[in-house]
Amino acid sequence: MSDEYEHVARSKLKLKTDSKKINKKKKKKDKKEREKLERELEERQHLPQAPVRQMTKAELSFKKMQEKMQEKRIMEKATLTHKQRVEKFNEHLDNLTEHFDIPKVSWTK
């Protein structure tokens, strides 16, 4: 078995391009970009920031009412099972007058 693999190269595979030069270029670019970002962050910290907008009383009460209504809808849906809701819907359809029925359309009459 060792005779079969004597001609196989045991060293690392080498690519045509020199990978060391590429890596050095990337490192320089990364370092420059990092420095640029750090400078921008420092400049932003020194600038006066816009005040945080607070909600008005009307906005707060509107938001509270929306939450209450949503909670109420969820509770209503949670009380009935799907089967019960279908039965209730069918009862509602049975109670409608014939006025709401879809008329039959045929060419023979």
PDB file of N, CA and C in Angstrom:
ATOM      1  N   MET A   1       0.817  -1.188   0.000  1.00  0.00           N
ATOM      2  CA  MET A   1       0.000   0.000   0.000  1.00  0.00           C
ATOM      3  C   MET A   1       0.868   1.261   0.000  1.00  0.00           C
ATOM      4  N   SER A   2       1.982   1.261   0.680  1.00  0.00           N
ATOM      5  CA  SER A   2       2.852   2.419   0.701  1.00  0.00           C
ATOM      6  C   SER A   2       3.500   2.655  -0.658  1.00  0.00           C
ATOM      7  N   ASP A   3       3.624   1.627  -1.481  1.00  0.00           N
ATOM      8  CA  ASP A   3       4.208   1.786  -2.805  1.00  0.00           C
ATOM      9  C   ASP A   3       3.290   2.595  -3.721  1.00  0.00           C
ATOM     10  N   GLU A   4       2.001   2.486  -3.503  1.00  0.00           N
ATOM     11  CA  GLU A   4       1.057   3.186  -4.362  1.00  0.00           C
ATOM     12  C   GLU A   4       1.135   4.696  -4.203  1.00  0.00           C
ATOM     13  N   TYR A   5       1.469   5.188  -3.013  1.00  0.00           N
ATOM     14  CA  TYR A   5       1.422   6.611  -2.726  1.00  0.00           C
ATOM     15  C   TYR A   5       2.796   7.261  -2.639  1.00  0.00           C
ATOM     16  N   GLU A   6       3.841   6.641  -3.143  1.00  0.00           N
ATOM     17  CA  GLU A   6       5.178   7.244  -3.069  1.00  0.00           C
ATOM     18  C   GLU A   6       5.295   8.469  -3.961  1.00  0.00           C
ATOM     19  N   HIS A   7       4.598   8.497  -5.066  1.00  0.00           N
ATOM     20  CA  HIS A   7       4.708   9.609  -6.009  1.00  0.00           C
ATOM     21  C   HIS A   7       3.832  10.810  -5.622  1.00  0.00           C
ATOM     22  N   VAL A   8       3.034  10.702  -4.565  1.00  0.00           N
ATOM     23  CA  VAL A   8       2.133  11.772  -4.151  1.00  0.00           C
ATOM     24  C   VAL A   8       2.917  12.858  -3.430  1.00  0.00           C
ATOM     25  N   ALA A   9       2.642  14.129  -3.761  1.00  0.00           N
ATOM     26  CA  ALA A   9       3.299  15.260  -3.099  1.00  0.00           C
ATOM     27  C   ALA A   9       2.728  15.418  -1.699  1.00  0.00           C
ATOM     28  N   ARG A  10       3.622  15.611  -0.736  1.00  0.00           N
ATOM     29  CA  ARG A  10       3.181  15.724   0.662  1.00  0.00           C
ATOM     30  C   ARG A  10       3.225  17.159   1.171  1.00  0.00           C
ATOM     31  N   SER A  11       3.611  18.105   0.352  1.00  0.00           N
ATOM     32  CA  SER A  11       3.682  19.502   0.783  1.00  0.00           C
ATOM     33  C   SER A  11       2.330  20.183   0.562  1.00  0.00           C
ATOM     34  N   LYS A  12       2.221  21.400   1.061  1.00  0.00           N
ATOM     35  CA  LYS A  12       0.990  22.167   0.902  1.00  0.00           C
ATOM     36  C   LYS A  12       0.813  22.543  -0.558  1.00  0.00           C
ATOM     37  N   LEU A  13      -0.442  22.691  -0.956  1.00  0.00           N
ATOM     38  CA  LEU A  13      -0.721  23.151  -2.298  1.00  0.00           C
ATOM     39  C   LEU A  13      -0.456  24.650  -2.379  1.00  0.00           C
ATOM     40  N   LYS A  14       0.168  25.083  -3.466  1.00  0.00           N
ATOM     41  CA  LYS A  14       0.480  26.502  -3.626  1.00  0.00           C
ATOM     42  C   LYS A  14      -0.376  27.084  -4.735  1.00  0.00           C
ATOM     43  N   LEU A  15      -0.951  28.233  -4.464  1.00  0.00           N
ATOM     44  CA  LEU A  15      -1.750  28.913  -5.469  1.00  0.00           C
ATOM     45  C   LEU A  15      -0.842  29.798  -6.310  1.00  0.00           C
ATOM     46  N   LYS A  16      -1.303  30.182  -7.493  1.00  0.00           N
ATOM     47  CA  LYS A  16      -0.494  31.001  -8.378  1.00  0.00           C
ATOM     48  C   LYS A  16      -0.271  32.388  -7.806  1.00  0.00           C
ATOM     49  N   THR A  17      -1.289  32.977  -7.152  1.00  0.00           N
ATOM     50  CA  THR A  17      -1.125  34.313  -6.579  1.00  0.00           C
ATOM     51  C   THR A  17      -0.431  34.203  -5.233  1.00  0.00           C
ATOM     52  N   ASP A  18       0.262  35.240  -4.864  1.00  0.00           N
ATOM     53  CA  ASP A  18       0.940  35.265  -3.575  1.00  0.00           C
ATOM     54  C   ASP A  18      -0.063  35.733  -2.522  1.00  0.00           C
ATOM     55  N   SER A  19      -0.512  34.860  -1.676  1.00  0.00           N
ATOM     56  CA  SER A  19      -1.556  35.166  -0.702  1.00  0.00           C
ATOM     57  C   SER A  19      -1.078  36.139   0.371  1.00  0.00           C
ATOM     58  N   LYS A  20       0.219  36.191   0.644  1.00  0.00           N
ATOM     59  CA  LYS A  20       0.717  37.104   1.680  1.00  0.00           C
ATOM     60  C   LYS A  20       0.495  38.552   1.295  1.00  0.00           C
ATOM     61  N   LYS A  21       0.713  38.898   0.023  1.00  0.00           N
ATOM     62  CA  LYS A  21       0.520  40.273  -0.419  1.00  0.00           C
ATOM     63  C   LYS A  21      -0.950  40.671  -0.317  1.00  0.00           C
ATOM     64  N   ILE A  22      -1.842  39.790  -0.689  1.00  0.00           N
ATOM     65  CA  ILE A  22      -3.278  40.081  -0.630  1.00  0.00           C
ATOM     66  C   ILE A  22      -3.708  40.330   0.810  1.00  0.00           C
ATOM     67  N   ASN A  23      -3.254  39.488   1.726  1.00  0.00           N
ATOM     68  CA  ASN A  23      -3.624  39.643   3.127  1.00  0.00           C
ATOM     69  C   ASN A  23      -3.119  40.950   3.699  1.00  0.00           C
ATOM     70  N   LYS A  24      -1.900  41.358   3.328  1.00  0.00           N
ATOM     71  CA  LYS A  24      -1.350  42.613   3.844  1.00  0.00           C
ATOM     72  C   LYS A  24      -2.177  43.794   3.360  1.00  0.00           C
ATOM     73  N   LYS A  25      -2.590  43.780   2.109  1.00  0.00           N
ATOM     74  CA  LYS A  25      -3.400  44.871   1.576  1.00  0.00           C
ATOM     75  C   LYS A  25      -4.722  44.961   2.326  1.00  0.00           C
ATOM     76  N   LYS A  26      -5.345  43.840   2.560  1.00  0.00           N
ATOM     77  CA  LYS A  26      -6.617  43.828   3.268  1.00  0.00           C
ATOM     78  C   LYS A  26      -6.462  44.379   4.676  1.00  0.00           C
ATOM     79  N   LYS A  27      -5.377  44.004   5.343  1.00  0.00           N
ATOM     80  CA  LYS A  27      -5.169  44.474   6.711  1.00  0.00           C
ATOM     81  C   LYS A  27      -5.027  45.982   6.745  1.00  0.00           C
ATOM     82  N   LYS A  28      -4.306  46.546   5.758  1.00  0.00           N
ATOM     83  CA  LYS A  28      -4.129  47.997   5.729  1.00  0.00           C
ATOM     84  C   LYS A  28      -5.472  48.692   5.503  1.00  0.00           C
ATOM     85  N   LYS A  29      -6.268  48.157   4.581  1.00  0.00           N
ATOM     86  CA  LYS A  29      -7.570  48.758   4.310  1.00  0.00           C
ATOM     87  C   LYS A  29      -8.460  48.662   5.544  1.00  0.00           C
ATOM     88  N   ASP A  30      -8.473  47.501   6.187  1.00  0.00           N
ATOM     89  CA  ASP A  30      -9.295  47.315   7.374  1.00  0.00           C
ATOM     90  C   ASP A  30      -8.908  48.298   8.465  1.00  0.00           C
ATOM     91  N   LYS A  31      -7.609  48.495   8.638  1.00  0.00           N
ATOM     92  CA  LYS A  31      -7.130  49.395   9.683  1.00  0.00           C
ATOM     93  C   LYS A  31      -7.557  50.826   9.384  1.00  0.00           C
ATOM     94  N   LYS A  32      -7.447  51.229   8.113  1.00  0.00           N
ATOM     95  CA  LYS A  32      -7.854  52.584   7.735  1.00  0.00           C
ATOM     96  C   LYS A  32      -9.354  52.777   7.931  1.00  0.00           C
ATOM     97  N   GLU A  33     -10.124  51.785   7.542  1.00  0.00           N
ATOM     98  CA  GLU A  33     -11.576  51.879   7.694  1.00  0.00           C
ATOM     99  C   GLU A  33     -11.969  51.938   9.170  1.00  0.00           C
ATOM    100  N   ARG A  34     -11.294  51.140   9.987  1.00  0.00           N
ATOM    101  CA  ARG A  34     -11.574  51.142  11.422  1.00  0.00           C
ATOM    102  C   ARG A  34     -11.274  52.509  12.024  1.00  0.00           C
ATOM    103  N   GLU A  35     -10.144  53.099  11.625  1.00  0.00           N
ATOM    104  CA  GLU A  35      -9.783  54.422  12.138  1.00  0.00           C
ATOM    105  C   GLU A  35     -10.809  55.463  11.707  1.00  0.00           C
ATOM    106  N   LYS A  36     -11.257  55.362  10.458  1.00  0.00           N
ATOM    107  CA  LYS A  36     -12.254  56.294   9.942  1.00  0.00           C
ATOM    108  C   LYS A  36     -13.557  56.186  10.735  1.00  0.00           C
ATOM    109  N   LEU A  37     -13.998  54.967  11.002  1.00  0.00           N
ATOM    110  CA  LEU A  37     -15.218  54.758  11.779  1.00  0.00           C
ATOM    111  C   LEU A  37     -15.081  55.305  13.193  1.00  0.00           C
ATOM    112  N   GLU A  38     -13.923  55.100  13.794  1.00  0.00           N
ATOM    113  CA  GLU A  38     -13.693  55.613  15.151  1.00  0.00           C
ATOM    114  C   GLU A  38     -13.766  57.129  15.176  1.00  0.00           C
ATOM    115  N   ARG A  39     -13.182  57.771  14.165  1.00  0.00           N
ATOM    116  CA  ARG A  39     -13.232  59.237  14.101  1.00  0.00           C
ATOM    117  C   ARG A  39     -14.666  59.720  13.940  1.00  0.00           C
ATOM    118  N   GLU A  40     -15.448  59.035  13.091  1.00  0.00           N
ATOM    119  CA  GLU A  40     -16.847  59.428  12.904  1.00  0.00           C
ATOM    120  C   GLU A  40     -17.644  59.284  14.193  1.00  0.00           C
ATOM    121  N   LEU A  41     -17.387  58.197  14.930  1.00  0.00           N
ATOM    122  CA  LEU A  41     -18.082  58.000  16.204  1.00  0.00           C
ATOM    123  C   LEU A  41     -17.751  59.106  17.194  1.00  0.00           C
ATOM    124  N   GLU A  42     -16.501  59.485  17.247  1.00  0.00           N
ATOM    125  CA  GLU A  42     -16.093  60.559  18.160  1.00  0.00           C
ATOM    126  C   GLU A  42     -16.769  61.876  17.777  1.00  0.00           C
ATOM    127  N   GLU A  43     -16.859  62.139  16.458  1.00  0.00           N
ATOM    128  CA  GLU A  43     -17.502  63.378  16.007  1.00  0.00           C
ATOM    129  C   GLU A  43     -18.982  63.373  16.363  1.00  0.00           C
ATOM    130  N   ARG A  44     -19.626  62.241  16.221  1.00  0.00           N
ATOM    131  CA  ARG A  44     -21.052  62.144  16.544  1.00  0.00           C
ATOM    132  C   ARG A  44     -21.305  62.363  18.037  1.00  0.00           C
ATOM    133  N   GLN A  45     -20.381  61.899  18.863  1.00  0.00           N
ATOM    134  CA  GLN A  45     -20.567  62.054  20.306  1.00  0.00           C
ATOM    135  C   GLN A  45     -20.469  63.520  20.715  1.00  0.00           C
ATOM    136  N   HIS A  46     -19.672  64.298  20.014  1.00  0.00           N
ATOM    137  CA  HIS A  46     -19.502  65.706  20.353  1.00  0.00           C
ATOM    138  C   HIS A  46     -20.643  66.570  19.833  1.00  0.00           C
ATOM    139  N   LEU A  47     -21.382  66.098  18.820  1.00  0.00           N
ATOM    140  CA  LEU A  47     -22.499  66.863  18.288  1.00  0.00           C
ATOM    141  C   LEU A  47     -23.680  66.812  19.255  1.00  0.00           C
ATOM    142  N   PRO A  48     -24.427  67.911  19.361  1.00  0.00           N
ATOM    143  CA  PRO A  48     -25.607  67.874  20.230  1.00  0.00           C
ATOM    144  C   PRO A  48     -26.674  66.969  19.613  1.00  0.00           C
ATOM    145  N   GLN A  49     -27.224  66.100  20.438  1.00  0.00           N
ATOM    146  CA  GLN A  49     -28.213  65.154  19.948  1.00  0.00           C
ATOM    147  C   GLN A  49     -29.609  65.753  20.041  1.00  0.00           C
ATOM    148  N   ALA A  50     -30.476  65.326  19.134  1.00  0.00           N
ATOM    149  CA  ALA A  50     -31.851  65.808  19.122  1.00  0.00           C
ATOM    150  C   ALA A  50     -32.562  65.288  20.371  1.00  0.00           C
ATOM    151  N   PRO A  51     -33.434  66.101  20.953  1.00  0.00           N
ATOM    152  CA  PRO A  51     -34.154  65.651  22.150  1.00  0.00           C
ATOM    153  C   PRO A  51     -35.082  64.492  21.801  1.00  0.00           C
ATOM    154  N   VAL A  52     -35.256  63.611  22.756  1.00  0.00           N
ATOM    155  CA  VAL A  52     -36.121  62.455  22.557  1.00  0.00           C
ATOM    156  C   VAL A  52     -37.568  62.923  22.620  1.00  0.00           C
ATOM    157  N   ARG A  53     -38.351  62.538  21.629  1.00  0.00           N
ATOM    158  CA  ARG A  53     -39.752  62.966  21.545  1.00  0.00           C
ATOM    159  C   ARG A  53     -40.589  62.163  22.527  1.00  0.00           C
ATOM    160  N   GLN A  54     -41.350  62.888  23.348  1.00  0.00           N
ATOM    161  CA  GLN A  54     -42.219  62.223  24.302  1.00  0.00           C
ATOM    162  C   GLN A  54     -43.647  62.269  23.790  1.00  0.00           C
ATOM    163  N   MET A  55     -44.413  61.255  24.148  1.00  0.00           N
ATOM    164  CA  MET A  55     -45.795  61.168  23.683  1.00  0.00           C
ATOM    165  C   MET A  55     -46.681  62.131  24.464  1.00  0.00           C
ATOM    166  N   THR A  56     -47.687  62.666  23.773  1.00  0.00           N
ATOM    167  CA  THR A  56     -48.636  63.551  24.438  1.00  0.00           C
ATOM    168  C   THR A  56     -49.649  62.718  25.213  1.00  0.00           C
ATOM    169  N   LYS A  57     -50.478  63.407  25.999  1.00  0.00           N
ATOM    170  CA  LYS A  57     -51.502  62.706  26.770  1.00  0.00           C
ATOM    171  C   LYS A  57     -52.477  61.992  25.846  1.00  0.00           C
ATOM    172  N   ALA A  58     -52.841  62.661  24.764  1.00  0.00           N
ATOM    173  CA  ALA A  58     -53.782  62.069  23.816  1.00  0.00           C
ATOM    174  C   ALA A  58     -53.187  60.822  23.174  1.00  0.00           C
ATOM    175  N   GLU A  59     -51.919  60.883  22.814  1.00  0.00           N
ATOM    176  CA  GLU A  59     -51.265  59.724  22.205  1.00  0.00           C
ATOM    177  C   GLU A  59     -51.193  58.556  23.182  1.00  0.00           C
ATOM    178  N   LEU A  60     -50.883  58.867  24.438  1.00  0.00           N
ATOM    179  CA  LEU A  60     -50.823  57.813  25.456  1.00  0.00           C
ATOM    180  C   LEU A  60     -52.184  57.166  25.670  1.00  0.00           C
ATOM    181  N   SER A  61     -53.222  57.990  25.767  1.00  0.00           N
ATOM    182  CA  SER A  61     -54.560  57.423  25.992  1.00  0.00           C
ATOM    183  C   SER A  61     -55.008  56.621  24.770  1.00  0.00           C
ATOM    184  N   PHE A  62     -54.673  57.089  23.562  1.00  0.00           N
ATOM    185  CA  PHE A  62     -55.022  56.348  22.356  1.00  0.00           C
ATOM    186  C   PHE A  62     -54.338  54.989  22.351  1.00  0.00           C
ATOM    187  N   LYS A  63     -53.067  54.980  22.712  1.00  0.00           N
ATOM    188  CA  LYS A  63     -52.308  53.724  22.739  1.00  0.00           C
ATOM    189  C   LYS A  63     -52.897  52.757  23.771  1.00  0.00           C
ATOM    190  N   LYS A  64     -53.269  53.286  24.947  1.00  0.00           N
ATOM    191  CA  LYS A  64     -53.867  52.435  25.977  1.00  0.00           C
ATOM    192  C   LYS A  64     -55.180  51.835  25.501  1.00  0.00           C
ATOM    193  N   MET A  65     -56.008  52.652  24.847  1.00  0.00           N
ATOM    194  CA  MET A  65     -57.298  52.162  24.352  1.00  0.00           C
ATOM    195  C   MET A  65     -57.096  51.090  23.281  1.00  0.00           C
ATOM    196  N   GLN A  66     -56.120  51.296  22.411  1.00  0.00           N
ATOM    197  CA  GLN A  66     -55.827  50.302  21.375  1.00  0.00           C
ATOM    198  C   GLN A  66     -55.439  48.973  22.003  1.00  0.00           C
ATOM    199  N   GLU A  67     -54.590  49.035  23.034  1.00  0.00           N
ATOM    200  CA  GLU A  67     -54.164  47.814  23.724  1.00  0.00           C
ATOM    201  C   GLU A  67     -55.348  47.122  24.395  1.00  0.00           C
ATOM    202  N   LYS A  68     -56.226  47.904  25.039  1.00  0.00           N
ATOM    203  CA  LYS A  68     -57.404  47.323  25.691  1.00  0.00           C
ATOM    204  C   LYS A  68     -58.314  46.647  24.682  1.00  0.00           C
ATOM    205  N   MET A  69     -58.554  47.319  23.551  1.00  0.00           N
ATOM    206  CA  MET A  69     -59.430  46.752  22.524  1.00  0.00           C
ATOM    207  C   MET A  69     -58.837  45.479  21.938  1.00  0.00           C
ATOM    208  N   GLN A  70     -57.552  45.494  21.729  1.00  0.00           N
ATOM    209  CA  GLN A  70     -56.895  44.304  21.188  1.00  0.00           C
ATOM    210  C   GLN A  70     -56.981  43.147  22.189  1.00  0.00           C
ATOM    211  N   GLU A  71     -56.773  43.452  23.457  1.00  0.00           N
ATOM    212  CA  GLU A  71     -56.862  42.431  24.501  1.00  0.00           C
ATOM    213  C   GLU A  71     -58.290  41.865  24.575  1.00  0.00           C
ATOM    214  N   LYS A  72     -59.285  42.745  24.438  1.00  0.00           N
ATOM    215  CA  LYS A  72     -60.678  42.311  24.468  1.00  0.00           C
ATOM    216  C   LYS A  72     -60.983  41.380  23.298  1.00  0.00           C
ATOM    217  N   ARG A  73     -60.492  41.732  22.083  1.00  0.00           N
ATOM    218  CA  ARG A  73     -60.702  40.885  20.901  1.00  0.00           C
ATOM    219  C   ARG A  73     -60.067  39.518  21.100  1.00  0.00           C
ATOM    220  N   ILE A  74     -58.882  39.506  21.658  1.00  0.00           N
ATOM    221  CA  ILE A  74     -58.183  38.236  21.891  1.00  0.00           C
ATOM    222  C   ILE A  74     -58.962  37.371  22.868  1.00  0.00           C
ATOM    223  N   MET A  75     -59.470  37.975  23.929  1.00  0.00           N
ATOM    224  CA  MET A  75     -60.236  37.216  24.927  1.00  0.00           C
ATOM    225  C   MET A  75     -61.521  36.660  24.320  1.00  0.00           C
ATOM    226  N   GLU A  76     -62.190  37.444  23.473  1.00  0.00           N
ATOM    227  CA  GLU A  76     -63.420  36.962  22.830  1.00  0.00           C
ATOM    228  C   GLU A  76     -63.131  35.766  21.936  1.00  0.00           C
ATOM    229  N   LYS A  77     -62.052  35.842  21.192  1.00  0.00           N
ATOM    230  CA  LYS A  77     -61.716  34.732  20.308  1.00  0.00           C
ATOM    231  C   LYS A  77     -61.298  33.504  21.107  1.00  0.00           C
ATOM    232  N   ALA A  78     -60.693  33.709  22.237  1.00  0.00           N
ATOM    233  CA  ALA A  78     -60.191  32.587  23.030  1.00  0.00           C
ATOM    234  C   ALA A  78     -61.321  31.846  23.746  1.00  0.00           C
ATOM    235  N   THR A  79     -62.450  32.513  23.940  1.00  0.00           N
ATOM    236  CA  THR A  79     -63.530  31.862  24.693  1.00  0.00           C
ATOM    237  C   THR A  79     -64.230  30.772  23.884  1.00  0.00           C
ATOM    238  N   LEU A  80     -64.339  30.927  22.564  1.00  0.00           N
ATOM    239  CA  LEU A  80     -65.033  29.958  21.730  1.00  0.00           C
ATOM    240  C   LEU A  80     -64.041  29.078  20.971  1.00  0.00           C
ATOM    241  N   THR A  81     -64.405  27.815  20.829  1.00  0.00           N
ATOM    242  CA  THR A  81     -63.582  26.932  19.997  1.00  0.00           C
ATOM    243  C   THR A  81     -63.968  27.168  18.535  1.00  0.00           C
ATOM    244  N   HIS A  82     -63.186  26.618  17.639  1.00  0.00           N
ATOM    245  CA  HIS A  82     -63.469  26.784  16.218  1.00  0.00           C
ATOM    246  C   HIS A  82     -64.837  26.193  15.869  1.00  0.00           C
ATOM    247  N   LYS A  83     -65.113  25.049  16.427  1.00  0.00           N
ATOM    248  CA  LYS A  83     -66.395  24.383  16.156  1.00  0.00           C
ATOM    249  C   LYS A  83     -67.558  25.270  16.602  1.00  0.00           C
ATOM    250  N   GLN A  84     -67.443  25.868  17.778  1.00  0.00           N
ATOM    251  CA  GLN A  84     -68.503  26.737  18.291  1.00  0.00           C
ATOM    252  C   GLN A  84     -68.681  27.969  17.405  1.00  0.00           C
ATOM    253  N   ARG A  85     -67.558  28.533  16.934  1.00  0.00           N
ATOM    254  CA  ARG A  85     -67.655  29.697  16.057  1.00  0.00           C
ATOM    255  C   ARG A  85     -68.343  29.346  14.738  1.00  0.00           C
ATOM    256  N   VAL A  86     -68.027  28.177  14.186  1.00  0.00           N
ATOM    257  CA  VAL A  86     -68.661  27.747  12.941  1.00  0.00           C
ATOM    258  C   VAL A  86     -70.156  27.560  13.145  1.00  0.00           C
ATOM    259  N   GLU A  87     -70.549  26.943  14.251  1.00  0.00           N
ATOM    260  CA  GLU A  87     -71.975  26.748  14.539  1.00  0.00           C
ATOM    261  C   GLU A  87     -72.692  28.086  14.683  1.00  0.00           C
ATOM    262  N   LYS A  88     -72.073  29.022  15.365  1.00  0.00           N
ATOM    263  CA  LYS A  88     -72.661  30.351  15.550  1.00  0.00           C
ATOM    264  C   LYS A  88     -72.827  31.052  14.200  1.00  0.00           C
ATOM    265  N   PHE A  89     -71.843  30.931  13.339  1.00  0.00           N
ATOM    266  CA  PHE A  89     -71.911  31.546  12.018  1.00  0.00           C
ATOM    267  C   PHE A  89     -73.035  30.917  11.183  1.00  0.00           C
ATOM    268  N   ASN A  90     -73.145  29.583  11.261  1.00  0.00           N
ATOM    269  CA  ASN A  90     -74.206  28.888  10.530  1.00  0.00           C
ATOM    270  C   ASN A  90     -75.591  29.325  11.015  1.00  0.00           C
ATOM    271  N   GLU A  91     -75.758  29.503  12.324  1.00  0.00           N
ATOM    272  CA  GLU A  91     -77.025  29.980  12.867  1.00  0.00           C
ATOM    273  C   GLU A  91     -77.342  31.369  12.324  1.00  0.00           C
ATOM    274  N   HIS A  92     -76.332  32.203  12.274  1.00  0.00           N
ATOM    275  CA  HIS A  92     -76.523  33.554  11.744  1.00  0.00           C
ATOM    276  C   HIS A  92     -76.974  33.505  10.288  1.00  0.00           C
ATOM    277  N   LEU A  93     -76.357  32.630   9.489  1.00  0.00           N
ATOM    278  CA  LEU A  93     -76.757  32.498   8.082  1.00  0.00           C
ATOM    279  C   LEU A  93     -78.182  31.968   7.958  1.00  0.00           C
ATOM    280  N   ASP A  94     -78.582  31.058   8.851  1.00  0.00           N
ATOM    281  CA  ASP A  94     -79.944  30.521   8.827  1.00  0.00           C
ATOM    282  C   ASP A  94     -80.983  31.595   9.138  1.00  0.00           C
ATOM    283  N   ASN A  95     -80.618  32.542   9.977  1.00  0.00           N
ATOM    284  CA  ASN A  95     -81.550  33.590  10.387  1.00  0.00           C
ATOM    285  C   ASN A  95     -81.720  34.677   9.328  1.00  0.00           C
ATOM    286  N   LEU A  96     -80.849  34.743   8.342  1.00  0.00           N
ATOM    287  CA  LEU A  96     -80.983  35.763   7.306  1.00  0.00           C
ATOM    288  C   LEU A  96     -82.180  35.449   6.415  1.00  0.00           C
ATOM    289  N   THR A  97     -82.791  36.499   5.886  1.00  0.00           N
ATOM    290  CA  THR A  97     -83.939  36.296   5.004  1.00  0.00           C
ATOM    291  C   THR A  97     -83.468  35.820   3.636  1.00  0.00           C
ATOM    292  N   GLU A  98     -84.436  35.396   2.822  1.00  0.00           N
ATOM    293  CA  GLU A  98     -84.087  34.898   1.497  1.00  0.00           C
ATOM    294  C   GLU A  98     -83.599  36.006   0.583  1.00  0.00           C
ATOM    295  N   HIS A  99     -83.829  37.218   0.984  1.00  0.00           N
ATOM    296  CA  HIS A  99     -83.383  38.360   0.196  1.00  0.00           C
ATOM    297  C   HIS A  99     -81.870  38.303  -0.040  1.00  0.00           C
ATOM    298  N   PHE A 100     -81.147  37.765   0.914  1.00  0.00           N
ATOM    299  CA  PHE A 100     -79.688  37.726   0.818  1.00  0.00           C
ATOM    300  C   PHE A 100     -79.167  36.497   0.079  1.00  0.00           C
ATOM    301  N   ASP A 101     -80.073  35.574  -0.294  1.00  0.00           N
ATOM    302  CA  ASP A 101     -79.640  34.371  -1.013  1.00  0.00           C
ATOM    303  C   ASP A 101     -79.181  34.732  -2.415  1.00  0.00           C
ATOM    304  N   ILE A 102     -78.269  33.966  -2.926  1.00  0.00           N
ATOM    305  CA  ILE A 102     -77.800  34.169  -4.300  1.00  0.00           C
ATOM    306  C   ILE A 102     -78.831  33.552  -5.229  1.00  0.00           C
ATOM    307  N   PRO A 103     -79.347  34.321  -6.154  1.00  0.00           N
ATOM    308  CA  PRO A 103     -80.389  33.766  -7.057  1.00  0.00           C
ATOM    309  C   PRO A 103     -79.801  32.730  -7.995  1.00  0.00           C
ATOM    310  N   LYS A 104     -80.632  31.731  -8.309  1.00  0.00           N
ATOM    311  CA  LYS A 104     -80.183  30.697  -9.235  1.00  0.00           C
ATOM    312  C   LYS A 104     -80.249  31.226 -10.662  1.00  0.00           C
ATOM    313  N   VAL A 105     -79.248  30.903 -11.415  1.00  0.00           N
ATOM    314  CA  VAL A 105     -79.219  31.353 -12.804  1.00  0.00           C
ATOM    315  C   VAL A 105     -79.193  30.114 -13.683  1.00  0.00           C
ATOM    316  N   SER A 106     -80.178  30.003 -14.580  1.00  0.00           N
ATOM    317  CA  SER A 106     -80.162  28.881 -15.500  1.00  0.00           C
ATOM    318  C   SER A 106     -80.679  29.342 -16.845  1.00  0.00           C
ATOM    319  N   TRP A 107     -80.271  28.712 -17.900  1.00  0.00           N
ATOM    320  CA  TRP A 107     -80.675  29.072 -19.255  1.00  0.00           C
ATOM    321  C   TRP A 107     -82.014  28.438 -19.627  1.00  0.00           C
ATOM    322  N   THR A 108     -82.449  27.447 -18.890  1.00  0.00           N
ATOM    323  CA  THR A 108     -83.665  26.727 -19.258  1.00  0.00           C
ATOM    324  C   THR A 108     -84.923  27.470 -18.840  1.00  0.00           C
ATOM    325  N   LYS A 109     -84.891  28.288 -17.831  1.00  0.00           N
ATOM    326  CA  LYS A 109     -86.109  28.975 -17.342  1.00  0.00           C
ATOM    327  C   LYS A 109     -86.246  30.339 -17.934  1.00  0.00           C
TER     328      LYS A 109
END
